[in-house]
Amino acid sequence: MERQLTSDDPRLANTLTSRGRKPVLRYVLGGIGAVVGLLLLVGGAASSEVWLGVLGFVVMFASVAIAFTRPRRSGGPVGVVRPDGSTAPRPAAARKKGFMNRMEDRWDKRREQGR
């Protein structure tokens, strides 16, 4: 079953087998920041201080965004899972492509399949 998953969707298999740390500290700090931002927002609304309400909203939004975004990895992509279960580094061409280049490649593949 594991080999079938690996051959069908190597990216999913690689994601499921990777052991990542859960960002518990990020969630706690994000929650505390959201509560502080909410208190500032309510305090600004109660005292009719617009700037305090805006500051509270910004703090609340930033803390939630920081809590739920993944930190960037310095090493880049780990690799590709082969059908036998081993991993291989990604080709250099696949690592260097940007988002728009990948979307253009996908579009070209779809157009070729339609012919």
N, C-alpha and C. Protein backbone atom coordinates (compact mmCIF):
# COMPACT_ATOMS: atom_id res chain seq x y z
N MET A 1 0.82 -1.18 0.00
CA MET A 1 0.00 0.00 0.00
C MET A 1 0.88 1.26 0.00
N GLU A 2 1.96 1.20 0.78
CA GLU A 2 2.86 2.35 0.84
C GLU A 2 3.56 2.55 -0.50
N ARG A 3 3.96 1.45 -1.14
CA ARG A 3 4.62 1.55 -2.45
C ARG A 3 3.65 2.12 -3.49
N GLN A 4 2.38 1.71 -3.41
CA GLN A 4 1.39 2.21 -4.35
C GLN A 4 1.19 3.72 -4.18
N LEU A 5 1.12 4.18 -2.93
CA LEU A 5 1.00 5.61 -2.67
C LEU A 5 2.22 6.34 -3.19
N THR A 6 3.39 5.78 -2.96
CA THR A 6 4.62 6.42 -3.41
C THR A 6 4.67 6.53 -4.93
N SER A 7 4.22 5.49 -5.61
CA SER A 7 4.26 5.54 -7.07
C SER A 7 3.16 6.45 -7.63
N ASP A 8 2.01 6.50 -6.97
CA ASP A 8 0.92 7.34 -7.45
C ASP A 8 1.17 8.82 -7.20
N ASP A 9 1.59 9.15 -6.00
CA ASP A 9 1.78 10.56 -5.63
C ASP A 9 3.03 10.70 -4.76
N PRO A 10 4.21 10.84 -5.38
CA PRO A 10 5.45 10.91 -4.59
C PRO A 10 5.50 12.13 -3.67
N ARG A 11 4.92 13.25 -4.10
CA ARG A 11 4.97 14.45 -3.26
C ARG A 11 4.18 14.25 -1.98
N LEU A 12 3.00 13.64 -2.08
CA LEU A 12 2.19 13.36 -0.90
C LEU A 12 2.91 12.37 0.01
N ALA A 13 3.51 11.34 -0.56
CA ALA A 13 4.23 10.37 0.25
C ALA A 13 5.39 11.03 0.98
N ASN A 14 6.08 11.94 0.32
CA ASN A 14 7.20 12.65 0.95
C ASN A 14 6.69 13.53 2.09
N THR A 15 5.56 14.17 1.88
CA THR A 15 4.99 15.01 2.92
C THR A 15 4.56 14.19 4.13
N LEU A 16 3.95 13.05 3.88
CA LEU A 16 3.46 12.22 4.98
C LEU A 16 4.59 11.57 5.76
N THR A 17 5.71 11.28 5.12
CA THR A 17 6.81 10.63 5.83
C THR A 17 7.74 11.61 6.51
N SER A 18 7.67 12.90 6.19
CA SER A 18 8.57 13.87 6.84
C SER A 18 8.13 14.09 8.27
N ARG A 19 9.09 14.17 9.13
CA ARG A 19 8.83 14.38 10.55
C ARG A 19 9.16 15.83 10.90
N GLY A 20 8.14 16.64 10.98
CA GLY A 20 8.35 18.04 11.31
C GLY A 20 7.90 18.33 12.74
N ARG A 21 8.55 19.31 13.35
CA ARG A 21 8.14 19.73 14.69
C ARG A 21 6.87 20.54 14.60
N LYS A 22 6.01 20.34 15.53
CA LYS A 22 4.78 21.12 15.57
C LYS A 22 5.09 22.49 16.20
N PRO A 23 4.64 23.55 15.59
CA PRO A 23 4.97 24.89 16.07
C PRO A 23 4.08 25.32 17.25
N VAL A 24 4.17 24.61 18.37
CA VAL A 24 3.32 24.91 19.52
C VAL A 24 3.60 26.31 20.04
N LEU A 25 4.87 26.69 20.12
CA LEU A 25 5.22 28.01 20.62
C LEU A 25 4.65 29.11 19.72
N ARG A 26 4.65 28.88 18.41
CA ARG A 26 4.09 29.87 17.49
C ARG A 26 2.60 30.04 17.73
N TYR A 27 1.90 28.92 18.00
CA TYR A 27 0.46 28.99 18.27
C TYR A 27 0.18 29.74 19.57
N VAL A 28 0.98 29.47 20.59
CA VAL A 28 0.77 30.13 21.88
C VAL A 28 1.02 31.63 21.76
N LEU A 29 2.14 32.00 21.14
CA LEU A 29 2.45 33.42 20.97
C LEU A 29 1.43 34.10 20.07
N GLY A 30 0.98 33.39 19.03
CA GLY A 30 -0.05 33.95 18.15
C GLY A 30 -1.36 34.17 18.89
N GLY A 31 -1.72 33.22 19.76
CA GLY A 31 -2.94 33.37 20.55
C GLY A 31 -2.86 34.53 21.53
N ILE A 32 -1.71 34.65 22.18
CA ILE A 32 -1.52 35.77 23.12
C ILE A 32 -1.57 37.10 22.36
N GLY A 33 -0.91 37.15 21.20
CA GLY A 33 -0.94 38.38 20.40
C GLY A 33 -2.34 38.70 19.92
N ALA A 34 -3.12 37.67 19.56
CA ALA A 34 -4.49 37.91 19.11
C ALA A 34 -5.35 38.46 20.24
N VAL A 35 -5.16 37.94 21.45
CA VAL A 35 -5.93 38.44 22.60
C VAL A 35 -5.56 39.88 22.91
N VAL A 36 -4.25 40.17 22.89
CA VAL A 36 -3.80 41.54 23.15
C VAL A 36 -4.34 42.48 22.07
N GLY A 37 -4.28 42.06 20.82
CA GLY A 37 -4.81 42.89 19.74
C GLY A 37 -6.31 43.11 19.87
N LEU A 38 -7.03 42.06 20.27
CA LEU A 38 -8.47 42.20 20.45
C LEU A 38 -8.79 43.17 21.59
N LEU A 39 -8.01 43.08 22.67
CA LEU A 39 -8.22 44.01 23.79
C LEU A 39 -7.94 45.45 23.36
N LEU A 40 -6.89 45.65 22.58
CA LEU A 40 -6.59 47.00 22.07
C LEU A 40 -7.71 47.48 21.15
N LEU A 41 -8.22 46.59 20.32
CA LEU A 41 -9.30 46.96 19.41
C LEU A 41 -10.56 47.37 20.18
N VAL A 42 -10.93 46.58 21.17
CA VAL A 42 -12.12 46.90 21.97
C VAL A 42 -11.89 48.16 22.79
N GLY A 43 -10.68 48.29 23.34
CA GLY A 43 -10.36 49.49 24.11
C GLY A 43 -10.40 50.74 23.25
N GLY A 44 -9.91 50.64 22.03
CA GLY A 44 -9.96 51.79 21.12
C GLY A 44 -11.38 52.14 20.73
N ALA A 45 -12.22 51.12 20.56
CA ALA A 45 -13.62 51.40 20.22
C ALA A 45 -14.37 51.99 21.41
N ALA A 46 -14.06 51.53 22.62
CA ALA A 46 -14.75 52.02 23.81
C ALA A 46 -14.35 53.46 24.14
N SER A 47 -13.09 53.80 23.88
CA SER A 47 -12.63 55.14 24.21
C SER A 47 -12.69 56.10 23.02
N SER A 48 -13.22 55.65 21.92
CA SER A 48 -13.34 56.44 20.69
C SER A 48 -12.00 56.91 20.16
N GLU A 49 -10.97 56.10 20.38
CA GLU A 49 -9.63 56.37 19.85
C GLU A 49 -9.43 55.47 18.63
N VAL A 50 -9.54 56.06 17.46
CA VAL A 50 -9.46 55.29 16.23
C VAL A 50 -8.08 54.67 16.07
N TRP A 51 -7.05 55.40 16.38
CA TRP A 51 -5.69 54.90 16.19
C TRP A 51 -5.43 53.67 17.06
N LEU A 52 -6.01 53.63 18.26
CA LEU A 52 -5.82 52.48 19.14
C LEU A 52 -6.55 51.25 18.58
N GLY A 53 -7.73 51.46 18.01
CA GLY A 53 -8.46 50.36 17.39
C GLY A 53 -7.74 49.81 16.17
N VAL A 54 -7.18 50.70 15.37
CA VAL A 54 -6.41 50.28 14.20
C VAL A 54 -5.17 49.52 14.62
N LEU A 55 -4.49 50.02 15.64
CA LEU A 55 -3.30 49.34 16.16
C LEU A 55 -3.67 47.95 16.68
N GLY A 56 -4.78 47.84 17.38
CA GLY A 56 -5.23 46.55 17.87
C GLY A 56 -5.52 45.58 16.75
N PHE A 57 -6.16 46.06 15.70
CA PHE A 57 -6.44 45.20 14.56
C PHE A 57 -5.17 44.72 13.89
N VAL A 58 -4.21 45.62 13.72
CA VAL A 58 -2.94 45.26 13.09
C VAL A 58 -2.20 44.22 13.94
N VAL A 59 -2.16 44.43 15.25
CA VAL A 59 -1.49 43.47 16.14
C VAL A 59 -2.19 42.12 16.07
N MET A 60 -3.51 42.11 16.11
CA MET A 60 -4.27 40.87 16.06
C MET A 60 -4.04 40.15 14.73
N PHE A 61 -4.12 40.85 13.63
CA PHE A 61 -3.94 40.24 12.32
C PHE A 61 -2.52 39.70 12.15
N ALA A 62 -1.52 40.48 12.56
CA ALA A 62 -0.13 40.05 12.41
C ALA A 62 0.18 38.82 13.26
N SER A 63 -0.35 38.77 14.47
CA SER A 63 -0.06 37.63 15.34
C SER A 63 -0.70 36.35 14.81
N VAL A 64 -1.90 36.44 14.28
CA VAL A 64 -2.54 35.26 13.70
C VAL A 64 -1.81 34.84 12.42
N ALA A 65 -1.40 35.80 11.61
CA ALA A 65 -0.67 35.47 10.39
C ALA A 65 0.66 34.80 10.70
N ILE A 66 1.37 35.29 11.69
CA ILE A 66 2.64 34.70 12.08
C ILE A 66 2.44 33.30 12.65
N ALA A 67 1.37 33.10 13.40
CA ALA A 67 1.13 31.80 14.02
C ALA A 67 0.83 30.73 12.99
N PHE A 68 0.13 31.07 11.91
CA PHE A 68 -0.32 30.05 10.98
C PHE A 68 0.47 29.96 9.69
N THR A 69 1.50 30.78 9.51
CA THR A 69 2.35 30.63 8.34
C THR A 69 3.54 29.76 8.70
N ARG A 70 4.00 29.02 7.72
CA ARG A 70 5.15 28.16 7.95
C ARG A 70 6.42 28.98 7.84
N PRO A 71 7.38 28.70 8.71
CA PRO A 71 8.66 29.40 8.56
C PRO A 71 9.39 28.87 7.33
N ARG A 72 10.15 29.73 6.70
CA ARG A 72 10.91 29.31 5.52
C ARG A 72 12.04 28.41 5.91
N ARG A 73 12.25 27.40 5.11
CA ARG A 73 13.39 26.49 5.34
C ARG A 73 14.58 27.03 4.58
N SER A 74 15.73 26.98 5.21
CA SER A 74 16.92 27.50 4.56
C SER A 74 17.49 26.49 3.57
N GLY A 75 17.21 25.21 3.75
CA GLY A 75 17.78 24.19 2.90
C GLY A 75 17.05 23.98 1.59
N GLY A 76 15.84 24.48 1.47
CA GLY A 76 15.08 24.28 0.25
C GLY A 76 14.40 22.92 0.25
N PRO A 77 13.91 22.48 -0.91
CA PRO A 77 13.21 21.21 -0.99
C PRO A 77 14.14 20.05 -0.68
N VAL A 78 13.60 19.04 0.00
CA VAL A 78 14.41 17.91 0.40
C VAL A 78 14.72 17.01 -0.77
N GLY A 79 13.72 16.62 -1.52
CA GLY A 79 13.96 15.75 -2.65
C GLY A 79 12.69 15.09 -3.14
N VAL A 80 12.88 14.06 -3.95
CA VAL A 80 11.77 13.33 -4.55
C VAL A 80 11.82 11.90 -4.04
N VAL A 81 10.65 11.34 -3.74
CA VAL A 81 10.58 9.96 -3.30
C VAL A 81 10.51 9.06 -4.52
N ARG A 82 11.42 8.09 -4.61
CA ARG A 82 11.42 7.13 -5.71
C ARG A 82 10.41 6.03 -5.45
N PRO A 83 10.04 5.26 -6.47
CA PRO A 83 9.07 4.17 -6.26
C PRO A 83 9.51 3.12 -5.24
N ASP A 84 10.82 2.95 -5.06
CA ASP A 84 11.28 1.96 -4.08
C ASP A 84 11.31 2.52 -2.65
N GLY A 85 10.94 3.79 -2.49
CA GLY A 85 10.88 4.38 -1.16
C GLY A 85 12.07 5.25 -0.81
N SER A 86 13.15 5.18 -1.58
CA SER A 86 14.31 6.02 -1.30
C SER A 86 14.07 7.42 -1.83
N THR A 87 14.89 8.35 -1.39
CA THR A 87 14.74 9.73 -1.83
C THR A 87 15.91 10.14 -2.71
N ALA A 88 15.65 11.05 -3.60
CA ALA A 88 16.67 11.60 -4.48
C ALA A 88 16.53 13.11 -4.47
N PRO A 89 17.64 13.83 -4.58
CA PRO A 89 17.52 15.30 -4.62
C PRO A 89 16.79 15.74 -5.87
N ARG A 90 16.09 16.86 -5.75
CA ARG A 90 15.36 17.39 -6.90
C ARG A 90 16.35 17.86 -7.95
N PRO A 91 15.98 17.76 -9.21
CA PRO A 91 16.85 18.30 -10.26
C PRO A 91 16.98 19.81 -10.11
N ALA A 92 18.10 20.33 -10.54
CA ALA A 92 18.36 21.78 -10.40
C ALA A 92 17.32 22.60 -11.15
N ALA A 93 16.85 22.09 -12.29
CA ALA A 93 15.86 22.84 -13.07
C ALA A 93 14.55 22.97 -12.30
N ALA A 94 14.16 21.95 -11.55
CA ALA A 94 12.90 22.01 -10.79
C ALA A 94 13.01 22.94 -9.60
N ARG A 95 14.20 23.08 -9.04
CA ARG A 95 14.37 23.96 -7.88
C ARG A 95 14.37 25.43 -8.28
N LYS A 96 14.84 25.76 -9.45
CA LYS A 96 15.02 27.14 -9.85
C LYS A 96 13.76 27.78 -10.41
N LYS A 97 12.75 26.98 -10.77
CA LYS A 97 11.56 27.55 -11.39
C LYS A 97 10.73 28.31 -10.37
N GLY A 98 10.21 29.44 -10.82
CA GLY A 98 9.33 30.23 -9.98
C GLY A 98 7.89 29.80 -10.17
N PHE A 99 7.02 30.45 -9.44
CA PHE A 99 5.60 30.12 -9.48
C PHE A 99 5.03 30.30 -10.87
N MET A 100 5.31 31.43 -11.50
CA MET A 100 4.74 31.71 -12.82
C MET A 100 5.27 30.73 -13.87
N ASN A 101 6.54 30.36 -13.78
CA ASN A 101 7.09 29.40 -14.73
C ASN A 101 6.42 28.04 -14.58
N ARG A 102 6.15 27.63 -13.35
CA ARG A 102 5.46 26.35 -13.13
C ARG A 102 4.04 26.42 -13.67
N MET A 103 3.36 27.54 -13.47
CA MET A 103 2.00 27.67 -13.99
C MET A 103 1.99 27.65 -15.52
N GLU A 104 2.98 28.29 -16.15
CA GLU A 104 3.07 28.27 -17.61
C GLU A 104 3.33 26.86 -18.11
N ASP A 105 4.19 26.11 -17.42
CA ASP A 105 4.46 24.73 -17.80
C ASP A 105 3.20 23.87 -17.70
N ARG A 106 2.45 24.07 -16.64
CA ARG A 106 1.21 23.31 -16.48
C ARG A 106 0.21 23.66 -17.58
N TRP A 107 0.14 24.94 -17.91
CA TRP A 107 -0.76 25.38 -18.97
C TRP A 107 -0.36 24.75 -20.31
N ASP A 108 0.94 24.74 -20.60
CA ASP A 108 1.42 24.15 -21.84
C ASP A 108 1.10 22.65 -21.90
N LYS A 109 1.27 21.95 -20.78
CA LYS A 109 0.96 20.52 -20.74
C LYS A 109 -0.52 20.27 -21.00
N ARG A 110 -1.38 21.10 -20.43
CA ARG A 110 -2.82 20.94 -20.65
C ARG A 110 -3.18 21.17 -22.11
N ARG A 111 -2.57 22.17 -22.71
CA ARG A 111 -2.86 22.45 -24.11
C ARG A 111 -2.38 21.32 -25.01
N GLU A 112 -1.23 20.73 -24.68
CA GLU A 112 -0.72 19.60 -25.47
C GLU A 112 -1.60 18.37 -25.32
N GLN A 113 -2.15 18.15 -24.13
CA GLN A 113 -3.01 16.99 -23.91
C GLN A 113 -4.34 17.16 -24.63
N GLY A 114 -4.79 18.37 -24.85
CA GLY A 114 -6.06 18.62 -25.51
C GLY A 114 -6.02 18.37 -27.01
N ARG A 115 -4.85 18.33 -27.58
CA ARG A 115 -4.72 18.14 -29.04
C ARG A 115 -4.84 16.71 -29.43
